[in-house]
Amino acid sequence: MAVSTRRRLGRALSGAIAGTSLVLAAAVLALAPATGASAHDYLVASTPKADSTQTTALPKVVLTFDDRVLDLSGDGSSNVVEVTGPGGKHFESGCPVIRDTDVTVPVKLGDSGRYTVTWQIVSADGHTVSSSIGFRYDRPASAQAAAGRDSRPTCGDQNSGSGGSTSAAGPGSSDSASFSSGGLGIAIGVGGGIIVVALVAVVIVLVRNRPAPPEA
């Protein structure tokens, strides 16, 4: 009788462990989307292409990312794109415009030479992402060369008299904490609840299969 009871208890315990393993696996899968969603946006295409040679007039620079770019300010000012060229001059002629995964800035390029596009955008996970690409511009004879500016145009992210300083990191970083940690916190809470339920189920199974006390 004692051997039979131990076998039943062993089978019950094995079943409970197997069930708990399945529940824990489900919890891991529940947490996986939150982890994946925290990946930062990255550049997938641009006009002009990185390290290319532009031989025609260029009215705008377009940056395309793998996920949507957040416009925290509503006017594009939470994202910064700078286009600099010969002499360190700025050749943006306006402020960035956000269209889902695209960030566009109008430009008026100057003489032939090497140009650099530098950006700081707020990615879909709420964090700021910064990088740059370069390209060469061979100005066609039909295109007029712009003189360029010492600083980028004044956009909404700049305070009055800021002298062209970049302050987009402020709104991006402040909202990133609440945006990313909020979703992750919910996922962790759900996963924790699943684990607690699994442990309770194990206890119930063990109690129900506890051998009865010997009769007097």
C-alpha atoms as a PDB file:
ATOM      1  CA  MET A   1       0.000   0.000   0.000  1.00  0.00           C
ATOM      2  CA  ALA A   2       2.814   2.408   0.862  1.00  0.00           C
ATOM      3  CA  VAL A   3       4.553   1.701  -2.472  1.00  0.00           C
ATOM      4  CA  SER A   4       1.302   2.303  -4.403  1.00  0.00           C
ATOM      5  CA  THR A   5       0.735   5.556  -2.563  1.00  0.00           C
ATOM      6  CA  ARG A   6       4.242   6.783  -3.304  1.00  0.00           C
ATOM      7  CA  ARG A   7       3.783   5.938  -6.974  1.00  0.00           C
ATOM      8  CA  ARG A   8       0.515   7.884  -7.156  1.00  0.00           C
ATOM      9  CA  LEU A   9       2.122  10.807  -5.392  1.00  0.00           C
ATOM     10  CA  GLY A  10       5.106  10.656  -7.718  1.00  0.00           C
ATOM     11  CA  ARG A  11       2.875  10.652 -10.803  1.00  0.00           C
ATOM     12  CA  ALA A  12       0.848  13.541  -9.428  1.00  0.00           C
ATOM     13  CA  LEU A  13       3.986  15.516  -8.663  1.00  0.00           C
ATOM     14  CA  SER A  14       5.400  14.827 -12.129  1.00  0.00           C
ATOM     15  CA  GLY A  15       2.164  16.003 -13.715  1.00  0.00           C
ATOM     16  CA  ALA A  16       2.143  19.139 -11.607  1.00  0.00           C
ATOM     17  CA  ILE A  17       5.749  19.913 -12.562  1.00  0.00           C
ATOM     18  CA  ALA A  18       4.969  19.377 -16.237  1.00  0.00           C
ATOM     19  CA  GLY A  19       1.953  21.657 -15.990  1.00  0.00           C
ATOM     20  CA  THR A  20       3.988  24.310 -14.231  1.00  0.00           C
ATOM     21  CA  SER A  21       6.637  24.115 -16.951  1.00  0.00           C
ATOM     22  CA  LEU A  22       3.997  24.753 -19.610  1.00  0.00           C
ATOM     23  CA  VAL A  23       2.635  27.715 -17.693  1.00  0.00           C
ATOM     24  CA  LEU A  24       6.118  29.144 -17.214  1.00  0.00           C
ATOM     25  CA  ALA A  25       6.776  28.723 -20.938  1.00  0.00           C
ATOM     26  CA  ALA A  26       3.560  30.641 -21.647  1.00  0.00           C
ATOM     27  CA  ALA A  27       4.737  33.383 -19.293  1.00  0.00           C
ATOM     28  CA  VAL A  28       8.027  33.649 -21.172  1.00  0.00           C
ATOM     29  CA  LEU A  29       6.142  33.947 -24.462  1.00  0.00           C
ATOM     30  CA  ALA A  30       3.933  36.630 -22.924  1.00  0.00           C
ATOM     31  CA  LEU A  31       6.992  38.636 -21.968  1.00  0.00           C
ATOM     32  CA  ALA A  32       8.750  38.155 -25.309  1.00  0.00           C
ATOM     33  CA  PRO A  33       6.694  40.738 -27.278  1.00  0.00           C
ATOM     34  CA  ALA A  34       7.440  43.437 -24.694  1.00  0.00           C
ATOM     35  CA  THR A  35      11.158  42.745 -25.041  1.00  0.00           C
ATOM     36  CA  GLY A  36      11.027  42.796 -28.817  1.00  0.00           C
ATOM     37  CA  ALA A  37       8.986  45.998 -28.849  1.00  0.00           C
ATOM     38  CA  SER A  38      11.745  47.838 -27.000  1.00  0.00           C
ATOM     39  CA  ALA A  39      14.139  47.598 -29.957  1.00  0.00           C
ATOM     40  CA  HIS A  40      15.229  50.984 -31.300  1.00  0.00           C
ATOM     41  CA  ASP A  41      14.373  52.160 -34.816  1.00  0.00           C
ATOM     42  CA  TYR A  42      17.127  51.861 -37.395  1.00  0.00           C
ATOM     43  CA  LEU A  43      17.595  53.374 -40.840  1.00  0.00           C
ATOM     44  CA  VAL A  44      16.544  51.133 -43.738  1.00  0.00           C
ATOM     45  CA  ALA A  45      16.686  53.590 -46.660  1.00  0.00           C
ATOM     46  CA  SER A  46      17.495  57.191 -47.482  1.00  0.00           C
ATOM     47  CA  THR A  47      17.420  59.738 -50.284  1.00  0.00           C
ATOM     48  CA  PRO A  48      20.163  60.184 -51.187  1.00  0.00           C
ATOM     49  CA  LYS A  49      21.600  56.753 -50.338  1.00  0.00           C
ATOM     50  CA  ALA A  50      24.509  56.511 -47.918  1.00  0.00           C
ATOM     51  CA  ASP A  51      27.903  57.019 -49.594  1.00  0.00           C
ATOM     52  CA  SER A  52      26.245  57.700 -52.948  1.00  0.00           C
ATOM     53  CA  THR A  53      26.979  60.513 -55.409  1.00  0.00           C
ATOM     54  CA  GLN A  54      24.127  62.918 -56.082  1.00  0.00           C
ATOM     55  CA  THR A  55      24.381  64.393 -59.593  1.00  0.00           C
ATOM     56  CA  THR A  56      20.969  66.070 -59.811  1.00  0.00           C
ATOM     57  CA  ALA A  57      19.359  68.871 -57.814  1.00  0.00           C
ATOM     58  CA  LEU A  58      18.213  67.670 -54.387  1.00  0.00           C
ATOM     59  CA  PRO A  59      15.153  69.453 -52.906  1.00  0.00           C
ATOM     60  CA  LYS A  60      14.879  67.279 -49.807  1.00  0.00           C
ATOM     61  CA  VAL A  61      16.537  64.553 -47.757  1.00  0.00           C
ATOM     62  CA  VAL A  62      14.344  61.602 -46.773  1.00  0.00           C
ATOM     63  CA  LEU A  63      15.225  59.110 -44.023  1.00  0.00           C
ATOM     64  CA  THR A  64      13.181  55.904 -43.797  1.00  0.00           C
ATOM     65  CA  PHE A  65      13.262  53.803 -40.627  1.00  0.00           C
ATOM     66  CA  ASP A  66      12.110  50.251 -39.902  1.00  0.00           C
ATOM     67  CA  ASP A  67       9.363  51.429 -37.530  1.00  0.00           C
ATOM     68  CA  ARG A  68       7.342  54.579 -37.041  1.00  0.00           C
ATOM     69  CA  VAL A  69       9.027  57.698 -35.735  1.00  0.00           C
ATOM     70  CA  LEU A  70       7.272  59.359 -32.805  1.00  0.00           C
ATOM     71  CA  ASP A  71       6.316  63.000 -33.143  1.00  0.00           C
ATOM     72  CA  LEU A  72       6.042  63.905 -29.458  1.00  0.00           C
ATOM     73  CA  SER A  73       5.612  67.617 -30.110  1.00  0.00           C
ATOM     74  CA  GLY A  74       3.054  67.306 -32.901  1.00  0.00           C
ATOM     75  CA  ASP A  75       5.060  69.617 -35.165  1.00  0.00           C
ATOM     76  CA  GLY A  76       8.124  67.451 -35.862  1.00  0.00           C
ATOM     77  CA  SER A  77      10.319  69.420 -33.466  1.00  0.00           C
ATOM     78  CA  SER A  78      11.038  66.427 -31.221  1.00  0.00           C
ATOM     79  CA  ASN A  79      13.193  65.108 -34.088  1.00  0.00           C
ATOM     80  CA  VAL A  80      16.265  66.820 -35.511  1.00  0.00           C
ATOM     81  CA  VAL A  81      17.870  66.404 -38.934  1.00  0.00           C
ATOM     82  CA  GLU A  82      20.934  68.421 -39.930  1.00  0.00           C
ATOM     83  CA  VAL A  83      22.525  68.516 -43.388  1.00  0.00           C
ATOM     84  CA  THR A  84      26.010  69.999 -43.358  1.00  0.00           C
ATOM     85  CA  GLY A  85      28.462  70.400 -46.189  1.00  0.00           C
ATOM     86  CA  PRO A  86      31.513  72.326 -47.379  1.00  0.00           C
ATOM     87  CA  GLY A  87      32.801  74.795 -44.811  1.00  0.00           C
ATOM     88  CA  GLY A  88      30.675  73.199 -42.081  1.00  0.00           C
ATOM     89  CA  LYS A  89      27.632  75.155 -43.271  1.00  0.00           C
ATOM     90  CA  HIS A  90      24.041  74.025 -42.741  1.00  0.00           C
ATOM     91  CA  PHE A  91      21.923  73.469 -45.834  1.00  0.00           C
ATOM     92  CA  GLU A  92      18.521  72.626 -44.333  1.00  0.00           C
ATOM     93  CA  SER A  93      15.914  75.071 -45.602  1.00  0.00           C
ATOM     94  CA  GLY A  94      13.178  74.044 -43.178  1.00  0.00           C
ATOM     95  CA  CYS A  95      12.232  71.840 -40.243  1.00  0.00           C
ATOM     96  CA  PRO A  96      11.748  68.047 -40.322  1.00  0.00           C
ATOM     97  CA  VAL A  97       8.372  66.589 -41.286  1.00  0.00           C
ATOM     98  CA  ILE A  98       7.315  63.209 -39.840  1.00  0.00           C
ATOM     99  CA  ARG A  99       5.262  60.769 -41.943  1.00  0.00           C
ATOM    100  CA  ASP A 100       5.031  57.433 -40.114  1.00  0.00           C
ATOM    101  CA  THR A 101       8.441  55.811 -40.819  1.00  0.00           C
ATOM    102  CA  ASP A 102       9.740  58.720 -42.936  1.00  0.00           C
ATOM    103  CA  VAL A 103      11.495  61.850 -41.732  1.00  0.00           C
ATOM    104  CA  THR A 104      11.887  64.514 -44.425  1.00  0.00           C
ATOM    105  CA  VAL A 105      13.799  67.788 -44.323  1.00  0.00           C
ATOM    106  CA  PRO A 106      13.916  70.322 -47.191  1.00  0.00           C
ATOM    107  CA  VAL A 107      17.392  71.353 -48.347  1.00  0.00           C
ATOM    108  CA  LYS A 108      19.148  73.825 -50.619  1.00  0.00           C
ATOM    109  CA  LEU A 109      22.612  72.439 -51.283  1.00  0.00           C
ATOM    110  CA  GLY A 110      25.691  74.490 -52.051  1.00  0.00           C
ATOM    111  CA  ASP A 111      28.755  73.698 -54.128  1.00  0.00           C
ATOM    112  CA  SER A 112      30.000  70.243 -54.982  1.00  0.00           C
ATOM    113  CA  GLY A 113      31.556  68.360 -52.120  1.00  0.00           C
ATOM    114  CA  ARG A 114      30.973  65.985 -49.264  1.00  0.00           C
ATOM    115  CA  TYR A 115      27.755  66.333 -47.241  1.00  0.00           C
ATOM    116  CA  THR A 116      26.682  64.727 -43.979  1.00  0.00           C
ATOM    117  CA  VAL A 117      23.148  64.005 -42.796  1.00  0.00           C
ATOM    118  CA  THR A 118      22.933  63.765 -39.011  1.00  0.00           C
ATOM    119  CA  TRP A 119      19.736  62.870 -37.183  1.00  0.00           C
ATOM    120  CA  GLN A 120      18.293  62.415 -33.740  1.00  0.00           C
ATOM    121  CA  ILE A 121      14.821  60.882 -33.789  1.00  0.00           C
ATOM    122  CA  VAL A 122      12.422  59.440 -31.231  1.00  0.00           C
ATOM    123  CA  SER A 123      11.968  55.770 -32.136  1.00  0.00           C
ATOM    124  CA  ALA A 124       8.783  53.739 -31.681  1.00  0.00           C
ATOM    125  CA  ASP A 125       9.955  52.516 -28.260  1.00  0.00           C
ATOM    126  CA  GLY A 126      10.192  56.114 -27.039  1.00  0.00           C
ATOM    127  CA  HIS A 127      13.997  56.342 -26.936  1.00  0.00           C
ATOM    128  CA  THR A 128      16.106  58.798 -28.923  1.00  0.00           C
ATOM    129  CA  VAL A 129      18.293  57.369 -31.695  1.00  0.00           C
ATOM    130  CA  SER A 130      21.185  59.274 -33.262  1.00  0.00           C
ATOM    131  CA  SER A 131      23.388  58.512 -36.243  1.00  0.00           C
ATOM    132  CA  SER A 132      24.547  59.932 -39.577  1.00  0.00           C
ATOM    133  CA  ILE A 133      25.274  59.094 -43.208  1.00  0.00           C
ATOM    134  CA  GLY A 134      27.377  60.831 -45.836  1.00  0.00           C
ATOM    135  CA  PHE A 135      27.051  61.440 -49.556  1.00  0.00           C
ATOM    136  CA  ARG A 136      28.837  63.400 -52.280  1.00  0.00           C
ATOM    137  CA  TYR A 137      27.125  66.128 -54.256  1.00  0.00           C
ATOM    138  CA  ASP A 138      28.262  66.951 -57.775  1.00  0.00           C
ATOM    139  CA  ARG A 139      26.305  70.109 -58.475  1.00  0.00           C
ATOM    140  CA  PRO A 140      24.811  70.183 -61.971  1.00  0.00           C
ATOM    141  CA  ALA A 141      25.326  73.349 -63.989  1.00  0.00           C
ATOM    142  CA  SER A 142      21.590  74.059 -63.918  1.00  0.00           C
ATOM    143  CA  ALA A 143      21.430  74.107 -60.109  1.00  0.00           C
ATOM    144  CA  GLN A 144      22.191  77.263 -58.163  1.00  0.00           C
ATOM    145  CA  ALA A 145      24.554  76.864 -55.228  1.00  0.00           C
ATOM    146  CA  ALA A 146      23.165  77.991 -51.871  1.00  0.00           C
ATOM    147  CA  ALA A 147      25.416  79.892 -49.482  1.00  0.00           C
ATOM    148  CA  GLY A 148      24.413  77.793 -46.472  1.00  0.00           C
ATOM    149  CA  ARG A 149      23.955  78.938 -42.867  1.00  0.00           C
ATOM    150  CA  ASP A 150      26.029  78.874 -39.723  1.00  0.00           C
ATOM    151  CA  SER A 151      23.263  77.032 -37.838  1.00  0.00           C
ATOM    152  CA  ARG A 152      20.155  75.077 -38.663  1.00  0.00           C
ATOM    153  CA  PRO A 153      16.769  76.799 -39.025  1.00  0.00           C
ATOM    154  CA  THR A 154      14.923  77.615 -35.821  1.00  0.00           C
ATOM    155  CA  CYS A 155      12.358  74.899 -35.116  1.00  0.00           C
ATOM    156  CA  GLY A 156       9.992  74.233 -32.247  1.00  0.00           C
ATOM    157  CA  ASP A 157      12.558  72.222 -30.267  1.00  0.00           C
ATOM    158  CA  GLN A 158      14.791  75.274 -29.862  1.00  0.00           C
ATOM    159  CA  ASN A 159      14.189  77.909 -27.238  1.00  0.00           C
ATOM    160  CA  SER A 160      14.375  81.538 -28.269  1.00  0.00           C
ATOM    161  CA  GLY A 161      17.998  82.583 -28.563  1.00  0.00           C
ATOM    162  CA  SER A 162      19.333  79.032 -28.282  1.00  0.00           C
ATOM    163  CA  GLY A 163      21.761  79.655 -31.096  1.00  0.00           C
ATOM    164  CA  GLY A 164      20.871  76.449 -32.902  1.00  0.00           C
ATOM    165  CA  SER A 165      21.597  74.098 -30.034  1.00  0.00           C
ATOM    166  CA  THR A 166      19.978  70.671 -30.160  1.00  0.00           C
ATOM    167  CA  SER A 167      17.559  70.008 -27.340  1.00  0.00           C
ATOM    168  CA  ALA A 168      15.466  67.187 -28.798  1.00  0.00           C
ATOM    169  CA  ALA A 169      16.964  64.700 -26.369  1.00  0.00           C
ATOM    170  CA  GLY A 170      14.866  66.248 -23.601  1.00  0.00           C
ATOM    171  CA  PRO A 171      11.359  65.343 -24.778  1.00  0.00           C
ATOM    172  CA  GLY A 172      12.548  62.031 -26.188  1.00  0.00           C
ATOM    173  CA  SER A 173      14.209  60.868 -23.011  1.00  0.00           C
ATOM    174  CA  SER A 174      11.476  62.024 -20.637  1.00  0.00           C
ATOM    175  CA  ASP A 175       8.705  60.206 -22.489  1.00  0.00           C
ATOM    176  CA  SER A 176      10.815  57.142 -23.227  1.00  0.00           C
ATOM    177  CA  ALA A 177      10.837  56.062 -19.592  1.00  0.00           C
ATOM    178  CA  SER A 178       7.063  56.093 -19.187  1.00  0.00           C
ATOM    179  CA  PHE A 179       6.422  54.684 -22.660  1.00  0.00           C
ATOM    180  CA  SER A 180       8.768  51.682 -22.546  1.00  0.00           C
ATOM    181  CA  SER A 181       8.637  50.866 -18.841  1.00  0.00           C
ATOM    182  CA  GLY A 182       4.838  51.052 -18.818  1.00  0.00           C
ATOM    183  CA  GLY A 183       4.427  48.316 -21.430  1.00  0.00           C
ATOM    184  CA  LEU A 184       7.154  46.184 -19.890  1.00  0.00           C
ATOM    185  CA  GLY A 185       5.639  46.574 -16.407  1.00  0.00           C
ATOM    186  CA  ILE A 186       2.259  45.333 -17.628  1.00  0.00           C
ATOM    187  CA  ALA A 187       3.868  42.311 -19.278  1.00  0.00           C
ATOM    188  CA  ILE A 188       5.853  41.479 -16.125  1.00  0.00           C
ATOM    189  CA  GLY A 189       2.706  41.778 -14.024  1.00  0.00           C
ATOM    190  CA  VAL A 190       0.822  39.375 -16.303  1.00  0.00           C
ATOM    191  CA  GLY A 191       3.717  36.928 -16.299  1.00  0.00           C
ATOM    192  CA  GLY A 192       4.002  37.109 -12.509  1.00  0.00           C
ATOM    193  CA  GLY A 193       0.285  36.432 -12.121  1.00  0.00           C
ATOM    194  CA  ILE A 194       0.560  33.340 -14.334  1.00  0.00           C
ATOM    195  CA  ILE A 195       3.436  32.007 -12.236  1.00  0.00           C
ATOM    196  CA  VAL A 196       1.491  32.534  -8.987  1.00  0.00           C
ATOM    197  CA  VAL A 197      -1.502  30.652 -10.406  1.00  0.00           C
ATOM    198  CA  ALA A 198       0.807  27.804 -11.444  1.00  0.00           C
ATOM    199  CA  LEU A 199       2.278  27.525  -7.951  1.00  0.00           C
ATOM    200  CA  VAL A 200      -1.186  27.463  -6.378  1.00  0.00           C
ATOM    201  CA  ALA A 201      -2.165  24.671  -8.781  1.00  0.00           C
ATOM    202  CA  VAL A 202       0.877  22.638  -7.704  1.00  0.00           C
ATOM    203  CA  VAL A 203      -0.056  23.013  -4.021  1.00  0.00           C
ATOM    204  CA  ILE A 204      -3.653  21.929  -4.700  1.00  0.00           C
ATOM    205  CA  VAL A 205      -2.506  18.832  -6.595  1.00  0.00           C
ATOM    206  CA  LEU A 206      -0.114  17.855  -3.801  1.00  0.00           C
ATOM    207  CA  VAL A 207      -2.787  18.305  -1.115  1.00  0.00           C
ATOM    208  CA  ARG A 208      -5.375  16.270  -3.015  1.00  0.00           C
ATOM    209  CA  ASN A 209      -2.924  13.406  -3.557  1.00  0.00           C
ATOM    210  CA  ARG A 210      -1.598  13.365  -0.016  1.00  0.00           C
ATOM    211  CA  PRO A 211      -1.822   9.797   1.369  1.00  0.00           C
ATOM    212  CA  ALA A 212      -4.598   9.253   3.900  1.00  0.00           C
ATOM    213  CA  PRO A 213      -3.549   8.636   7.500  1.00  0.00           C
ATOM    214  CA  PRO A 214      -3.479   4.934   8.486  1.00  0.00           C
ATOM    215  CA  GLU A 215      -6.660   3.660  10.119  1.00  0.00           C
ATOM    216  CA  ALA A 216      -6.520   3.077  13.844  1.00  0.00           C
END
